[in-house]
Amino acid sequence: MISFIPIKDSKHPLYTYSEKILVESFPKNEYRDLAQQKEYINSNALFSCNIIIDNDKPIGIINYWTFNHFCYIEHFAIDSTKRNQGYGKMVLEILKEKIKNPIILEVETPDTEIAIRRISFYKRVGLKLYNQPYLQPPYRREDDLLPMRIMVYGKELSDDEFSFIKRTIYKEVYNYIE
């Protein structure tokens, strides 16, 4: 049975697993410095780092931000040894039941086969690709803005709602002001 173990302290025994999956699953420019990651886990009430568990064994991570009007999934990854076994769909179904507000996430632009497959997966579990251009702010000063797209579950976004969500993510997640 799938469950989430919230990591509220970087001294938690499973914290190192969350770092391992984050570093293995994402390019360096798609996650923050690990010292800052620890700081967020230890002290930011909006940020939730979760280890995904199946039958008492860790199989992945899902990190998200809970805002008043939406939930933003920052990082979601299944351990490479457990991929293509249906876990991603199961995890998102659980999250959709748990979170009552719209769920937002960033995806790569549909320019590569892997990006197209990832977008198709999210569409199959009910998320919709928002057509507005979106640039992911850099996690590190030396990095550039990344062209990405937003996907949403739970409602169609008006342009004003998209702008509000974008500003909130930029400010709270990336500490970035346009």
Protein backbone atom coordinates (compact mmCIF):
# COMPACT_ATOMS: atom_id res chain seq x y z
CA MET A 1 0.00 0.00 0.00
CA ILE A 2 1.29 3.43 -0.98
CA SER A 3 1.72 6.07 1.72
CA PHE A 4 3.70 9.25 2.32
CA ILE A 5 6.12 9.86 5.17
CA PRO A 6 6.51 13.61 5.72
CA ILE A 7 10.09 14.68 6.39
CA LYS A 8 9.93 17.71 8.69
CA ASP A 9 13.54 17.58 9.87
CA SER A 10 16.68 17.00 7.83
CA LYS A 11 17.89 14.70 10.64
CA HIS A 12 15.10 12.23 9.83
CA PRO A 13 16.60 8.84 8.89
CA LEU A 14 14.98 8.95 5.43
CA TYR A 15 16.18 12.47 4.60
CA THR A 16 19.32 11.20 2.85
CA TYR A 17 17.08 9.05 0.63
CA SER A 18 15.16 12.17 -0.43
CA GLU A 19 18.43 13.92 -1.37
CA LYS A 20 19.62 10.84 -3.29
CA ILE A 21 16.44 10.64 -5.38
CA LEU A 22 16.41 14.41 -5.98
CA VAL A 23 20.02 14.45 -7.23
CA GLU A 24 19.63 11.28 -9.31
CA SER A 25 16.32 12.31 -10.90
CA PHE A 26 16.80 15.99 -11.74
CA PRO A 27 19.50 18.03 -13.47
CA LYS A 28 21.34 20.35 -11.05
CA ASN A 29 19.61 23.42 -12.47
CA GLU A 30 16.20 21.93 -11.53
CA TYR A 31 16.71 21.73 -7.76
CA ARG A 32 17.98 24.10 -5.10
CA ASP A 33 21.26 23.85 -3.27
CA LEU A 34 20.99 20.99 -0.77
CA ALA A 35 21.80 23.25 2.19
CA GLN A 36 18.82 25.42 1.27
CA GLN A 37 16.71 22.28 0.77
CA LYS A 38 17.50 21.27 4.37
CA GLU A 39 16.61 24.78 5.55
CA TYR A 40 13.20 24.61 3.84
CA ILE A 41 12.49 21.18 5.29
CA ASN A 42 13.44 22.31 8.77
CA SER A 43 11.63 25.63 8.83
CA ASN A 44 9.24 26.41 5.94
CA ALA A 45 5.67 25.47 6.86
CA LEU A 46 4.48 25.82 3.24
CA PHE A 47 6.97 23.22 1.99
CA SER A 48 6.30 19.51 2.35
CA CYS A 49 8.99 16.91 1.62
CA ASN A 50 7.55 13.40 1.47
CA ILE A 51 9.04 9.97 1.01
CA ILE A 52 6.75 7.68 -0.98
CA ILE A 53 6.50 4.29 0.72
CA ASP A 54 5.22 0.97 -0.60
CA ASN A 55 5.09 -1.96 1.82
CA ASP A 56 7.41 -0.16 4.27
CA LYS A 57 10.06 0.50 1.60
CA PRO A 58 10.91 3.92 0.11
CA ILE A 59 10.19 4.12 -3.62
CA GLY A 60 10.34 7.85 -4.38
CA ILE A 61 9.76 11.45 -3.34
CA ILE A 62 7.05 14.03 -3.76
CA ASN A 63 7.81 17.55 -2.59
CA TYR A 64 5.08 20.14 -2.75
CA TRP A 65 4.03 23.56 -1.53
CA THR A 66 0.61 24.16 0.00
CA PHE A 67 -0.73 27.64 -0.70
CA ASN A 68 -4.18 28.99 0.12
CA HIS A 69 -5.56 28.53 -3.40
CA PHE A 70 -3.42 25.79 -4.94
CA CYS A 71 -0.83 23.09 -4.37
CA TYR A 72 2.41 23.25 -6.33
CA ILE A 73 4.35 20.01 -6.88
CA GLU A 74 7.99 21.02 -7.00
CA HIS A 75 9.62 17.59 -7.33
CA PHE A 76 8.10 14.19 -7.99
CA ALA A 77 10.27 11.17 -8.77
CA ILE A 78 10.02 7.44 -8.45
CA ASP A 79 13.25 5.56 -7.71
CA SER A 80 14.78 4.45 -11.04
CA THR A 81 14.60 0.81 -9.91
CA LYS A 82 10.81 1.11 -9.43
CA ARG A 83 9.78 3.06 -12.53
CA ASN A 84 7.24 1.79 -15.07
CA GLN A 85 5.37 -0.22 -12.44
CA GLY A 86 2.36 2.11 -12.07
CA TYR A 87 3.62 3.92 -8.96
CA GLY A 88 3.50 7.40 -10.52
CA LYS A 89 -0.19 7.08 -11.33
CA MET A 90 -0.99 5.65 -7.88
CA VAL A 91 0.85 8.47 -6.12
CA LEU A 92 -0.91 11.18 -8.12
CA GLU A 93 -4.30 9.56 -7.51
CA ILE A 94 -3.60 9.64 -3.75
CA LEU A 95 -2.49 13.26 -3.95
CA LYS A 96 -5.58 14.24 -5.96
CA GLU A 97 -7.75 12.76 -3.19
CA LYS A 98 -5.73 14.45 -0.44
CA ILE A 99 -5.45 17.94 -1.99
CA LYS A 100 -8.74 19.74 -2.60
CA ASN A 101 -7.28 22.83 -4.32
CA PRO A 102 -5.96 22.83 -7.89
CA ILE A 103 -2.65 21.00 -8.28
CA ILE A 104 0.05 22.72 -10.34
CA LEU A 105 3.34 21.41 -11.67
CA GLU A 106 6.02 22.41 -14.16
CA VAL A 107 7.04 20.21 -17.09
CA GLU A 108 9.63 20.57 -19.79
CA THR A 109 8.45 22.07 -23.05
CA PRO A 110 7.26 19.33 -25.45
CA ASP A 111 10.45 19.43 -27.54
CA THR A 112 11.90 15.99 -26.83
CA GLU A 113 10.50 12.49 -26.83
CA ILE A 114 10.94 12.13 -23.05
CA ALA A 115 9.20 15.47 -22.41
CA ILE A 116 6.31 14.50 -24.68
CA ARG A 117 6.00 11.13 -22.89
CA ARG A 118 6.05 12.85 -19.48
CA ILE A 119 3.35 15.33 -20.53
CA SER A 120 1.26 12.45 -21.94
CA PHE A 121 1.57 10.61 -18.62
CA TYR A 122 0.33 13.64 -16.68
CA LYS A 123 -2.53 14.09 -19.15
CA ARG A 124 -3.57 10.45 -18.64
CA VAL A 125 -3.90 11.09 -14.89
CA GLY A 126 -6.07 14.15 -15.46
CA LEU A 127 -3.74 17.15 -15.66
CA LYS A 128 -4.11 19.69 -18.44
CA LEU A 129 -1.28 21.50 -20.20
CA TYR A 130 -1.69 25.25 -19.86
CA ASN A 131 -0.84 27.07 -23.10
CA GLN A 132 0.76 30.21 -21.67
CA PRO A 133 4.55 30.44 -21.89
CA TYR A 134 6.29 29.97 -18.54
CA LEU A 135 9.88 30.38 -17.46
CA GLN A 136 11.13 28.51 -14.41
CA PRO A 137 13.28 30.87 -12.34
CA PRO A 138 16.81 29.72 -11.58
CA TYR A 139 17.54 27.95 -8.31
CA ARG A 140 21.09 29.33 -8.39
CA ARG A 141 22.31 32.77 -9.41
CA GLU A 142 24.59 31.37 -12.09
CA ASP A 143 21.73 29.53 -13.82
CA ASP A 144 19.35 30.90 -16.46
CA LEU A 145 15.58 30.91 -16.62
CA LEU A 146 14.32 27.60 -18.04
CA PRO A 147 11.51 27.44 -20.60
CA MET A 148 8.87 25.16 -19.07
CA ARG A 149 5.12 24.68 -19.19
CA ILE A 150 2.53 24.53 -16.43
CA MET A 151 0.12 21.66 -15.99
CA VAL A 152 -2.93 21.85 -13.75
CA TYR A 153 -5.37 19.44 -12.18
CA GLY A 154 -8.69 20.54 -10.76
CA LYS A 155 -9.84 23.45 -12.91
CA GLU A 156 -9.25 25.50 -16.01
CA LEU A 157 -7.11 28.55 -15.26
CA SER A 158 -8.03 32.02 -16.38
CA ASP A 159 -5.13 34.26 -17.42
CA ASP A 160 -5.50 36.17 -14.13
CA GLU A 161 -5.34 32.93 -12.10
CA PHE A 162 -2.29 31.82 -14.08
CA SER A 163 -0.58 35.16 -13.35
CA PHE A 164 -1.41 34.89 -9.65
CA ILE A 165 -0.07 31.31 -9.46
CA LYS A 166 3.07 32.26 -11.37
CA ARG A 167 3.78 35.24 -9.09
CA THR A 168 3.22 33.11 -5.98
CA ILE A 169 5.53 30.33 -7.18
CA TYR A 170 8.19 32.83 -8.26
CA LYS A 171 8.14 34.58 -4.89
CA GLU A 172 7.66 31.71 -2.44
CA VAL A 173 9.45 28.81 -4.15
CA TYR A 174 12.22 30.56 -6.07
CA ASN A 175 12.59 33.85 -4.17
CA TYR A 176 12.40 35.50 -7.58
CA ILE A 177 10.72 38.77 -8.50
CA GLU A 178 10.12 39.57 -12.18
